[in-house]
Amino acid sequence: MTALERRLASSLATAVDPAVAALAAHLAGMDQALGVLFYGSNLRTGSREGVLDFYVLLPGPQRELIWPRVSYHEWEFEGELLRAKVATLSLETFASAARGERFDTTIWARFVQPSVLAWQRDAQAERAITSALAEAAQTAARLAVALGPPQGDANEFWRALFRATYAAEFRIEPSGREDSILAVNADHFEGLLPLALEAQGIAFARTDAVIAPHLPSASREQLLRWWNRCRRMGKALNIMRLIKASTTFEGAARYAAWKIERHTGVKVKLTPWRERHPVMAAPLVLFGVWRARR
């Protein structure tokens, strides 16, 4: 293992809340998974409230053309109802996207941030997933130095990366979102950029906290051409995923009902028809919420 992989393996092995571990094992059993990654704000806070975020990684080739498959689950653990939003895709596709071989920006930009391997089938699966996350860190790091200043502290490069990826995706993020990511995950990002550069042979000089990458002009231009292709496709790809999710999001009605009650205090009654047709049911449901709020 490289120094980067050893660092990530240690991070991925962080113990999680027993409820999270049990839910991850439950999700893995539903799809005969290789591994389940847990990430997001609940990982940082340790809270079970709200919706827990998981990526379930499967063996074999990718089943869907537009991925990942998104689903919502409610599961009881020792009398407590847990809620989870789950993205499911093949490990093969996950690793390919992490290497930057797809137009997708979400995998390497998301998984250069903290995550934990909450469940794995065996040691071989654990090594493969660790390797994929190391690839994600390397992809993110080389784009960060291509987009960032000629020299600066590590956070300047990461800021340049996150600003660019947020702008490329069909997402609305508050100004300064990249600063909050770096602030709340300071321990995770400490020393990560040099390790990710070393792992792929990108030389750099370092004076105290200042890093000056030695990225040849031709390599930088090639990276920026690749990034421009990803950037042009980013919003279109995310819109396609949203359209797909509007009709295939498993458990969408329950998820929407929970979100509405959480944010408005109005309880939405779920009928079998509303469960089967959440998109068609939405206008009447929202009218009912509006009337109840009035």
C-alpha atoms as a PDB file:
ATOM      1  CA  MET A   1       0.000   0.000   0.000  1.00  0.00           C
ATOM      2  CA  THR A   2       1.106   3.543  -0.688  1.00  0.00           C
ATOM      3  CA  ALA A   3       1.337   6.092   2.124  1.00  0.00           C
ATOM      4  CA  LEU A   4      -1.893   7.592   0.825  1.00  0.00           C
ATOM      5  CA  GLU A   5      -3.688   4.226   0.917  1.00  0.00           C
ATOM      6  CA  ARG A   6      -2.419   3.543   4.443  1.00  0.00           C
ATOM      7  CA  ARG A   7      -3.692   6.945   5.554  1.00  0.00           C
ATOM      8  CA  LEU A   8      -7.119   6.343   3.979  1.00  0.00           C
ATOM      9  CA  ALA A   9      -7.332   2.752   5.249  1.00  0.00           C
ATOM     10  CA  SER A  10      -6.879   4.042   8.781  1.00  0.00           C
ATOM     11  CA  SER A  11      -9.578   6.677   8.255  1.00  0.00           C
ATOM     12  CA  LEU A  12     -11.993   4.211   6.637  1.00  0.00           C
ATOM     13  CA  ALA A  13     -11.598   1.849   9.592  1.00  0.00           C
ATOM     14  CA  THR A  14     -12.884   4.456  12.065  1.00  0.00           C
ATOM     15  CA  ALA A  15     -15.517   2.887  14.319  1.00  0.00           C
ATOM     16  CA  VAL A  16     -19.071   4.040  13.669  1.00  0.00           C
ATOM     17  CA  ASP A  17     -22.177   4.185  15.837  1.00  0.00           C
ATOM     18  CA  PRO A  18     -23.516   0.622  16.352  1.00  0.00           C
ATOM     19  CA  ALA A  19     -26.830   1.708  14.830  1.00  0.00           C
ATOM     20  CA  VAL A  20     -25.045   2.937  11.682  1.00  0.00           C
ATOM     21  CA  ALA A  21     -23.038  -0.297  11.440  1.00  0.00           C
ATOM     22  CA  ALA A  22     -26.198  -2.391  11.821  1.00  0.00           C
ATOM     23  CA  LEU A  23     -28.050  -0.372   9.174  1.00  0.00           C
ATOM     24  CA  ALA A  24     -25.056  -0.651   6.810  1.00  0.00           C
ATOM     25  CA  ALA A  25     -25.083  -4.436   7.227  1.00  0.00           C
ATOM     26  CA  HIS A  26     -28.828  -4.475   6.542  1.00  0.00           C
ATOM     27  CA  LEU A  27     -28.381  -2.441   3.344  1.00  0.00           C
ATOM     28  CA  ALA A  28     -25.489  -4.661   2.242  1.00  0.00           C
ATOM     29  CA  GLY A  29     -27.647  -7.773   2.644  1.00  0.00           C
ATOM     30  CA  MET A  30     -30.396  -6.307   0.477  1.00  0.00           C
ATOM     31  CA  ASP A  31     -28.041  -6.083  -2.520  1.00  0.00           C
ATOM     32  CA  GLN A  32     -25.284  -8.620  -1.677  1.00  0.00           C
ATOM     33  CA  ALA A  33     -22.837  -5.726  -1.603  1.00  0.00           C
ATOM     34  CA  LEU A  34     -19.056  -5.637  -1.494  1.00  0.00           C
ATOM     35  CA  GLY A  35     -19.000  -2.656   0.831  1.00  0.00           C
ATOM     36  CA  VAL A  36     -21.019   0.220   2.283  1.00  0.00           C
ATOM     37  CA  LEU A  37     -19.562   3.699   2.686  1.00  0.00           C
ATOM     38  CA  PHE A  38     -21.027   6.074   5.274  1.00  0.00           C
ATOM     39  CA  TYR A  39     -20.436   9.808   4.746  1.00  0.00           C
ATOM     40  CA  GLY A  40     -21.976  13.240   5.205  1.00  0.00           C
ATOM     41  CA  SER A  41     -22.796  15.492   8.126  1.00  0.00           C
ATOM     42  CA  ASN A  42     -23.971  12.663  10.396  1.00  0.00           C
ATOM     43  CA  LEU A  43     -20.552  11.049  10.122  1.00  0.00           C
ATOM     44  CA  ARG A  44     -18.992  14.262  11.399  1.00  0.00           C
ATOM     45  CA  THR A  45     -21.490  14.918  14.196  1.00  0.00           C
ATOM     46  CA  GLY A  46     -22.172  11.337  15.248  1.00  0.00           C
ATOM     47  CA  SER A  47     -25.899  12.110  15.282  1.00  0.00           C
ATOM     48  CA  ARG A  48     -28.576   9.617  14.204  1.00  0.00           C
ATOM     49  CA  GLU A  49     -31.094  12.375  13.506  1.00  0.00           C
ATOM     50  CA  GLY A  50     -32.184  13.359  10.019  1.00  0.00           C
ATOM     51  CA  VAL A  51     -31.144  11.188   7.087  1.00  0.00           C
ATOM     52  CA  LEU A  52     -27.994   9.058   7.115  1.00  0.00           C
ATOM     53  CA  ASP A  53     -26.035   8.970   3.836  1.00  0.00           C
ATOM     54  CA  PHE A  54     -24.659   5.726   2.390  1.00  0.00           C
ATOM     55  CA  TYR A  55     -23.047   4.481  -0.822  1.00  0.00           C
ATOM     56  CA  VAL A  56     -23.607   0.774  -1.430  1.00  0.00           C
ATOM     57  CA  LEU A  57     -20.987  -0.745  -3.767  1.00  0.00           C
ATOM     58  CA  LEU A  58     -21.923  -3.875  -5.704  1.00  0.00           C
ATOM     59  CA  PRO A  59     -19.947  -6.603  -7.496  1.00  0.00           C
ATOM     60  CA  GLY A  60     -20.080  -7.024 -11.258  1.00  0.00           C
ATOM     61  CA  PRO A  61     -20.803  -4.542 -14.057  1.00  0.00           C
ATOM     62  CA  GLN A  62     -22.995  -1.475 -13.696  1.00  0.00           C
ATOM     63  CA  ARG A  63     -26.681  -2.277 -14.200  1.00  0.00           C
ATOM     64  CA  GLU A  64     -28.081   1.189 -14.929  1.00  0.00           C
ATOM     65  CA  LEU A  65     -26.907   3.540 -17.652  1.00  0.00           C
ATOM     66  CA  ILE A  66     -27.623   6.586 -15.482  1.00  0.00           C
ATOM     67  CA  TRP A  67     -26.205   5.954 -12.027  1.00  0.00           C
ATOM     68  CA  PRO A  68     -26.303   5.762  -9.083  1.00  0.00           C
ATOM     69  CA  ARG A  69     -29.634   4.224  -8.148  1.00  0.00           C
ATOM     70  CA  VAL A  70     -31.067   6.285  -5.280  1.00  0.00           C
ATOM     71  CA  SER A  71     -33.410   4.978  -2.592  1.00  0.00           C
ATOM     72  CA  TYR A  72     -34.786   5.972   0.788  1.00  0.00           C
ATOM     73  CA  HIS A  73     -35.062   3.525   3.684  1.00  0.00           C
ATOM     74  CA  GLU A  74     -36.589   3.533   7.147  1.00  0.00           C
ATOM     75  CA  TRP A  75     -35.309   0.834   9.506  1.00  0.00           C
ATOM     76  CA  GLU A  76     -35.758   0.248  13.210  1.00  0.00           C
ATOM     77  CA  PHE A  77     -32.784  -0.336  15.489  1.00  0.00           C
ATOM     78  CA  GLU A  78     -33.461  -1.126  19.159  1.00  0.00           C
ATOM     79  CA  GLY A  79     -36.749   0.746  19.052  1.00  0.00           C
ATOM     80  CA  GLU A  80     -35.385   3.794  17.208  1.00  0.00           C
ATOM     81  CA  LEU A  81     -36.421   4.577  13.632  1.00  0.00           C
ATOM     82  CA  LEU A  82     -33.402   5.308  11.410  1.00  0.00           C
ATOM     83  CA  ARG A  83     -33.693   7.029   8.042  1.00  0.00           C
ATOM     84  CA  ALA A  84     -31.205   6.601   5.204  1.00  0.00           C
ATOM     85  CA  LYS A  85     -30.682   7.930   1.714  1.00  0.00           C
ATOM     86  CA  VAL A  86     -28.765   5.330  -0.262  1.00  0.00           C
ATOM     87  CA  ALA A  87     -26.862   5.579  -3.540  1.00  0.00           C
ATOM     88  CA  THR A  88     -26.134   2.200  -5.142  1.00  0.00           C
ATOM     89  CA  LEU A  89     -23.704   1.432  -7.957  1.00  0.00           C
ATOM     90  CA  SER A  90     -21.065  -1.094  -8.928  1.00  0.00           C
ATOM     91  CA  LEU A  91     -17.612  -0.850  -7.382  1.00  0.00           C
ATOM     92  CA  GLU A  92     -16.224  -1.116 -10.918  1.00  0.00           C
ATOM     93  CA  THR A  93     -18.023   2.083 -11.989  1.00  0.00           C
ATOM     94  CA  PHE A  94     -17.254   3.808  -8.672  1.00  0.00           C
ATOM     95  CA  ALA A  95     -13.520   3.126  -9.135  1.00  0.00           C
ATOM     96  CA  SER A  96     -13.592   4.241 -12.780  1.00  0.00           C
ATOM     97  CA  ALA A  97     -15.296   7.517 -11.824  1.00  0.00           C
ATOM     98  CA  ALA A  98     -12.817   7.972  -8.963  1.00  0.00           C
ATOM     99  CA  ARG A  99      -9.955   7.738 -11.475  1.00  0.00           C
ATOM    100  CA  GLY A 100     -11.550  10.523 -13.531  1.00  0.00           C
ATOM    101  CA  GLU A 101     -12.432   8.237 -16.432  1.00  0.00           C
ATOM    102  CA  ARG A 102     -16.055   9.450 -16.523  1.00  0.00           C
ATOM    103  CA  PHE A 103     -17.621  12.862 -17.062  1.00  0.00           C
ATOM    104  CA  ASP A 104     -18.977  12.563 -13.528  1.00  0.00           C
ATOM    105  CA  THR A 105     -17.597  14.994 -10.938  1.00  0.00           C
ATOM    106  CA  THR A 106     -19.517  13.768  -7.908  1.00  0.00           C
ATOM    107  CA  ILE A 107     -17.492  10.678  -6.943  1.00  0.00           C
ATOM    108  CA  TRP A 108     -13.977  12.070  -6.615  1.00  0.00           C
ATOM    109  CA  ALA A 109     -15.165  15.475  -5.321  1.00  0.00           C
ATOM    110  CA  ARG A 110     -17.353  13.824  -2.663  1.00  0.00           C
ATOM    111  CA  PHE A 111     -14.966  11.067  -1.611  1.00  0.00           C
ATOM    112  CA  VAL A 112     -11.876  13.198  -1.261  1.00  0.00           C
ATOM    113  CA  GLN A 113     -13.919  14.287   1.778  1.00  0.00           C
ATOM    114  CA  PRO A 114     -14.279  12.042   4.842  1.00  0.00           C
ATOM    115  CA  SER A 115     -16.061   8.695   4.691  1.00  0.00           C
ATOM    116  CA  VAL A 116     -16.016   5.470   6.670  1.00  0.00           C
ATOM    117  CA  LEU A 117     -16.301   1.896   5.446  1.00  0.00           C
ATOM    118  CA  ALA A 118     -19.238   0.931   7.675  1.00  0.00           C
ATOM    119  CA  TRP A 119     -19.427  -2.609   6.267  1.00  0.00           C
ATOM    120  CA  GLN A 120     -17.258  -4.718   3.951  1.00  0.00           C
ATOM    121  CA  ARG A 121     -17.685  -8.257   2.648  1.00  0.00           C
ATOM    122  CA  ASP A 122     -14.048  -9.275   3.168  1.00  0.00           C
ATOM    123  CA  ALA A 123     -10.442  -8.057   3.145  1.00  0.00           C
ATOM    124  CA  GLN A 124     -10.260  -8.146  -0.660  1.00  0.00           C
ATOM    125  CA  ALA A 125     -13.282  -5.856  -0.965  1.00  0.00           C
ATOM    126  CA  GLU A 126     -11.832  -3.554   1.682  1.00  0.00           C
ATOM    127  CA  ARG A 127      -8.561  -3.229  -0.272  1.00  0.00           C
ATOM    128  CA  ALA A 128     -10.406  -2.531  -3.540  1.00  0.00           C
ATOM    129  CA  ILE A 129     -12.557   0.176  -1.949  1.00  0.00           C
ATOM    130  CA  THR A 130      -9.544   1.749  -0.237  1.00  0.00           C
ATOM    131  CA  SER A 131      -7.746   1.809  -3.593  1.00  0.00           C
ATOM    132  CA  ALA A 132     -10.749   3.498  -5.237  1.00  0.00           C
ATOM    133  CA  LEU A 133     -10.827   6.219  -2.572  1.00  0.00           C
ATOM    134  CA  ALA A 134      -7.089   6.752  -3.027  1.00  0.00           C
ATOM    135  CA  GLU A 135      -7.763   7.255  -6.749  1.00  0.00           C
ATOM    136  CA  ALA A 136     -10.481   9.793  -5.877  1.00  0.00           C
ATOM    137  CA  ALA A 137      -8.013  11.732  -3.730  1.00  0.00           C
ATOM    138  CA  GLN A 138      -5.427  11.705  -6.523  1.00  0.00           C
ATOM    139  CA  THR A 139      -7.927  12.877  -9.157  1.00  0.00           C
ATOM    140  CA  ALA A 140      -9.092  15.688  -6.871  1.00  0.00           C
ATOM    141  CA  ALA A 141      -5.519  16.685  -5.990  1.00  0.00           C
ATOM    142  CA  ARG A 142      -4.221  16.948  -9.546  1.00  0.00           C
ATOM    143  CA  LEU A 143      -7.197  19.066 -10.593  1.00  0.00           C
ATOM    144  CA  ALA A 144      -6.757  21.182  -7.459  1.00  0.00           C
ATOM    145  CA  VAL A 145      -3.183  22.070  -8.425  1.00  0.00           C
ATOM    146  CA  ALA A 146      -4.208  22.671 -12.058  1.00  0.00           C
ATOM    147  CA  LEU A 147      -6.938  25.098 -10.959  1.00  0.00           C
ATOM    148  CA  GLY A 148      -5.156  26.599  -7.962  1.00  0.00           C
ATOM    149  CA  PRO A 149      -2.405  29.196  -7.590  1.00  0.00           C
ATOM    150  CA  PRO A 150       1.247  28.577  -8.547  1.00  0.00           C
ATOM    151  CA  GLN A 151       1.910  28.171  -4.839  1.00  0.00           C
ATOM    152  CA  GLY A 152      -0.026  28.405  -1.597  1.00  0.00           C
ATOM    153  CA  ASP A 153      -1.119  26.438   1.431  1.00  0.00           C
ATOM    154  CA  ALA A 154      -3.083  23.238   0.832  1.00  0.00           C
ATOM    155  CA  ASN A 155      -6.428  24.846   1.587  1.00  0.00           C
ATOM    156  CA  GLU A 156      -5.989  27.330  -1.271  1.00  0.00           C
ATOM    157  CA  PHE A 157      -5.797  24.424  -3.717  1.00  0.00           C
ATOM    158  CA  TRP A 158      -8.751  22.601  -2.151  1.00  0.00           C
ATOM    159  CA  ARG A 159     -10.828  25.806  -2.227  1.00  0.00           C
ATOM    160  CA  ALA A 160     -10.153  26.200  -5.934  1.00  0.00           C
ATOM    161  CA  LEU A 161     -11.258  22.604  -6.488  1.00  0.00           C
ATOM    162  CA  PHE A 162     -14.519  22.802  -4.539  1.00  0.00           C
ATOM    163  CA  ARG A 163     -15.509  26.177  -6.016  1.00  0.00           C
ATOM    164  CA  ALA A 164     -15.079  24.709  -9.504  1.00  0.00           C
ATOM    165  CA  THR A 165     -16.969  21.472  -8.818  1.00  0.00           C
ATOM    166  CA  TYR A 166     -19.909  23.203  -7.121  1.00  0.00           C
ATOM    167  CA  ALA A 167     -20.196  25.567 -10.079  1.00  0.00           C
ATOM    168  CA  ALA A 168     -20.158  22.626 -12.499  1.00  0.00           C
ATOM    169  CA  GLU A 169     -22.968  20.703 -10.802  1.00  0.00           C
ATOM    170  CA  PHE A 170     -26.679  21.452 -10.711  1.00  0.00           C
ATOM    171  CA  ARG A 171     -26.517  22.362  -7.038  1.00  0.00           C
ATOM    172  CA  ILE A 172     -27.207  25.489  -5.019  1.00  0.00           C
ATOM    173  CA  GLU A 173     -24.522  25.942  -2.400  1.00  0.00           C
ATOM    174  CA  PRO A 174     -24.130  29.017  -0.172  1.00  0.00           C
ATOM    175  CA  SER A 175     -21.161  31.282  -0.739  1.00  0.00           C
ATOM    176  CA  GLY A 176     -18.161  30.061   1.219  1.00  0.00           C
ATOM    177  CA  ARG A 177     -19.361  26.441   1.328  1.00  0.00           C
ATOM    178  CA  GLU A 178     -15.837  25.308   0.465  1.00  0.00           C
ATOM    179  CA  ASP A 179     -14.453  27.096   3.547  1.00  0.00           C
ATOM    180  CA  SER A 180     -16.916  25.336   5.857  1.00  0.00           C
ATOM    181  CA  ILE A 181     -15.980  21.931   4.354  1.00  0.00           C
ATOM    182  CA  LEU A 182     -12.316  22.562   5.032  1.00  0.00           C
ATOM    183  CA  ALA A 183     -12.939  23.988   8.494  1.00  0.00           C
ATOM    184  CA  VAL A 184     -15.097  21.156   9.840  1.00  0.00           C
ATOM    185  CA  ASN A 185     -12.862  18.488   8.250  1.00  0.00           C
ATOM    186  CA  ALA A 186      -9.515  20.077   9.069  1.00  0.00           C
ATOM    187  CA  ASP A 187      -8.006  16.873  10.500  1.00  0.00           C
ATOM    188  CA  HIS A 188      -8.988  14.897   7.402  1.00  0.00           C
ATOM    189  CA  PHE A 189      -7.411  17.371   4.964  1.00  0.00           C
ATOM    190  CA  GLU A 190      -4.275  17.959   7.050  1.00  0.00           C
ATOM    191  CA  GLY A 191      -1.381  16.542   4.991  1.00  0.00           C
ATOM    192  CA  LEU A 192      -3.686  14.926   2.409  1.00  0.00           C
ATOM    193  CA  LEU A 193      -2.634  17.018  -0.612  1.00  0.00           C
ATOM    194  CA  PRO A 194       1.111  16.154  -0.458  1.00  0.00           C
ATOM    195  CA  LEU A 195       0.309  12.441  -0.055  1.00  0.00           C
ATOM    196  CA  ALA A 196      -2.072  12.503  -3.029  1.00  0.00           C
ATOM    197  CA  LEU A 197       0.500  14.308  -5.193  1.00  0.00           C
ATOM    198  CA  GLU A 198       3.310  11.925  -4.197  1.00  0.00           C
ATOM    199  CA  ALA A 199       1.128   8.897  -4.959  1.00  0.00           C
ATOM    200  CA  GLN A 200       0.854   9.938  -8.610  1.00  0.00           C
ATOM    201  CA  GLY A 201       4.370  11.293  -9.049  1.00  0.00           C
ATOM    202  CA  ILE A 202       3.555  15.036  -9.161  1.00  0.00           C
ATOM    203  CA  ALA A 203       6.609  16.797  -7.760  1.00  0.00           C
ATOM    204  CA  PHE A 204       6.309  19.813  -5.488  1.00  0.00           C
ATOM    205  CA  ALA A 205       8.431  22.053  -3.298  1.00  0.00           C
ATOM    206  CA  ARG A 206       7.349  22.770   0.253  1.00  0.00           C
ATOM    207  CA  THR A 207       8.391  25.586   2.546  1.00  0.00           C
ATOM    208  CA  ASP A 208       6.581  25.352   5.877  1.00  0.00           C
ATOM    209  CA  ALA A 209       2.872  25.346   4.903  1.00  0.00           C
ATOM    210  CA  VAL A 210       3.425  26.645   1.360  1.00  0.00           C
ATOM    211  CA  ILE A 211       3.281  24.085  -1.455  1.00  0.00           C
ATOM    212  CA  ALA A 212       4.539  24.835  -4.994  1.00  0.00           C
ATOM    213  CA  PRO A 213       3.552  22.005  -7.384  1.00  0.00           C
ATOM    214  CA  HIS A 214       5.856  21.333 -10.338  1.00  0.00           C
ATOM    215  CA  LEU A 215       3.144  20.625 -12.884  1.00  0.00           C
ATOM    216  CA  PRO A 216       4.444  20.852 -16.480  1.00  0.00           C
ATOM    217  CA  SER A 217       2.505  23.242 -18.731  1.00  0.00           C
ATOM    218  CA  ALA A 218       1.482  20.427 -21.066  1.00  0.00           C
ATOM    219  CA  SER A 219       0.099  18.390 -18.146  1.00  0.00           C
ATOM    220  CA  ARG A 220      -1.787  21.386 -16.798  1.00  0.00           C
ATOM    221  CA  GLU A 221      -3.309  22.129 -20.201  1.00  0.00           C
ATOM    222  CA  GLN A 222      -4.338  18.485 -20.609  1.00  0.00           C
ATOM    223  CA  LEU A 223      -5.960  18.489 -17.163  1.00  0.00           C
ATOM    224  CA  LEU A 224      -7.835  21.713 -17.872  1.00  0.00           C
ATOM    225  CA  ARG A 225      -9.095  20.374 -21.210  1.00  0.00           C
ATOM    226  CA  TRP A 226     -10.381  17.275 -19.387  1.00  0.00           C
ATOM    227  CA  TRP A 227     -11.955  19.455 -16.711  1.00  0.00           C
ATOM    228  CA  ASN A 228     -13.669  21.689 -19.286  1.00  0.00           C
ATOM    229  CA  ARG A 229     -15.307  18.608 -20.814  1.00  0.00           C
ATOM    230  CA  CYS A 230     -16.482  17.489 -17.370  1.00  0.00           C
ATOM    231  CA  ARG A 231     -17.663  21.003 -16.515  1.00  0.00           C
ATOM    232  CA  ARG A 232     -19.716  21.308 -19.710  1.00  0.00           C
ATOM    233  CA  MET A 233     -21.369  17.955 -19.014  1.00  0.00           C
ATOM    234  CA  GLY A 234     -21.803  18.461 -15.263  1.00  0.00           C
ATOM    235  CA  LYS A 235     -25.162  20.248 -15.128  1.00  0.00           C
ATOM    236  CA  ALA A 236     -26.682  18.163 -17.924  1.00  0.00           C
ATOM    237  CA  LEU A 237     -25.632  14.939 -16.193  1.00  0.00           C
ATOM    238  CA  ASN A 238     -27.062  16.071 -12.870  1.00  0.00           C
ATOM    239  CA  ILE A 239     -30.342  17.137 -14.507  1.00  0.00           C
ATOM    240  CA  MET A 240     -30.592  13.677 -16.125  1.00  0.00           C
ATOM    241  CA  ARG A 241     -30.071  12.103 -12.711  1.00  0.00           C
ATOM    242  CA  LEU A 242     -32.756  14.303 -11.153  1.00  0.00           C
ATOM    243  CA  ILE A 243     -35.221  13.397 -13.913  1.00  0.00           C
ATOM    244  CA  LYS A 244     -34.468   9.709 -13.425  1.00  0.00           C
ATOM    245  CA  ALA A 245     -34.757  10.016  -9.639  1.00  0.00           C
ATOM    246  CA  SER A 246     -38.170  11.670  -9.958  1.00  0.00           C
ATOM    247  CA  THR A 247     -39.564   8.396 -11.333  1.00  0.00           C
ATOM    248  CA  THR A 248     -37.230   5.740  -9.889  1.00  0.00           C
ATOM    249  CA  PHE A 249     -36.313   7.045  -6.413  1.00  0.00           C
ATOM    250  CA  GLU A 250     -37.318   4.058  -4.284  1.00  0.00           C
ATOM    251  CA  GLY A 251     -39.218   5.237  -1.202  1.00  0.00           C
ATOM    252  CA  ALA A 252     -39.557   8.755  -2.635  1.00  0.00           C
ATOM    253  CA  ALA A 253     -43.045   9.299  -1.197  1.00  0.00           C
ATOM    254  CA  ARG A 254     -41.968   8.363   2.341  1.00  0.00           C
ATOM    255  CA  TYR A 255     -38.871  10.519   2.045  1.00  0.00           C
ATOM    256  CA  ALA A 256     -40.890  13.504   0.807  1.00  0.00           C
ATOM    257  CA  ALA A 257     -43.521  13.040   3.527  1.00  0.00           C
ATOM    258  CA  TRP A 258     -40.854  12.978   6.217  1.00  0.00           C
ATOM    259  CA  LYS A 259     -39.146  16.085   4.771  1.00  0.00           C
ATOM    260  CA  ILE A 260     -42.461  17.984   4.601  1.00  0.00           C
ATOM    261  CA  GLU A 261     -43.362  17.141   8.193  1.00  0.00           C
ATOM    262  CA  ARG A 262     -39.849  17.988   9.398  1.00  0.00           C
ATOM    263  CA  HIS A 263     -39.855  21.417   7.749  1.00  0.00           C
ATOM    264  CA  THR A 264     -43.522  22.434   8.053  1.00  0.00           C
ATOM    265  CA  GLY A 265     -44.930  20.440  10.956  1.00  0.00           C
ATOM    266  CA  VAL A 266     -47.713  19.149   8.686  1.00  0.00           C
ATOM    267  CA  LYS A 267     -48.120  15.369   8.645  1.00  0.00           C
ATOM    268  CA  VAL A 268     -48.749  13.949   5.164  1.00  0.00           C
ATOM    269  CA  LYS A 269     -50.987  10.894   4.925  1.00  0.00           C
ATOM    270  CA  LEU A 270     -49.452   8.278   2.631  1.00  0.00           C
ATOM    271  CA  THR A 271     -51.940   6.239   0.653  1.00  0.00           C
ATOM    272  CA  PRO A 272     -50.954   3.254  -1.537  1.00  0.00           C
ATOM    273  CA  TRP A 273     -51.617   5.394  -4.635  1.00  0.00           C
ATOM    274  CA  ARG A 274     -49.358   8.187  -3.353  1.00  0.00           C
ATOM    275  CA  GLU A 275     -46.642   5.611  -2.627  1.00  0.00           C
ATOM    276  CA  ARG A 276     -46.847   4.295  -6.202  1.00  0.00           C
ATOM    277  CA  HIS A 277     -47.177   7.698  -7.923  1.00  0.00           C
ATOM    278  CA  PRO A 278     -45.297  10.327  -5.867  1.00  0.00           C
ATOM    279  CA  VAL A 279     -44.806  12.729  -8.792  1.00  0.00           C
ATOM    280  CA  MET A 280     -48.494  12.773  -9.781  1.00  0.00           C
ATOM    281  CA  ALA A 281     -49.530  13.032  -6.128  1.00  0.00           C
ATOM    282  CA  ALA A 282     -47.231  15.965  -5.382  1.00  0.00           C
ATOM    283  CA  PRO A 283     -49.506  18.893  -6.467  1.00  0.00           C
ATOM    284  CA  LEU A 284     -52.436  17.748  -4.323  1.00  0.00           C
ATOM    285  CA  VAL A 285     -50.161  16.978  -1.379  1.00  0.00           C
ATOM    286  CA  LEU A 286     -48.504  20.393  -1.562  1.00  0.00           C
ATOM    287  CA  PHE A 287     -51.910  22.082  -1.813  1.00  0.00           C
ATOM    288  CA  GLY A 288     -52.981  20.211   1.325  1.00  0.00           C
ATOM    289  CA  VAL A 289     -49.823  21.316   3.136  1.00  0.00           C
ATOM    290  CA  TRP A 290     -50.404  24.922   2.071  1.00  0.00           C
ATOM    291  CA  ARG A 291     -54.026  24.783   3.282  1.00  0.00           C
ATOM    292  CA  ALA A 292     -52.975  23.256   6.617  1.00  0.00           C
ATOM    293  CA  ARG A 293     -50.346  25.962   7.080  1.00  0.00           C
ATOM    294  CA  ARG A 294     -52.936  28.641   6.332  1.00  0.00           C
END
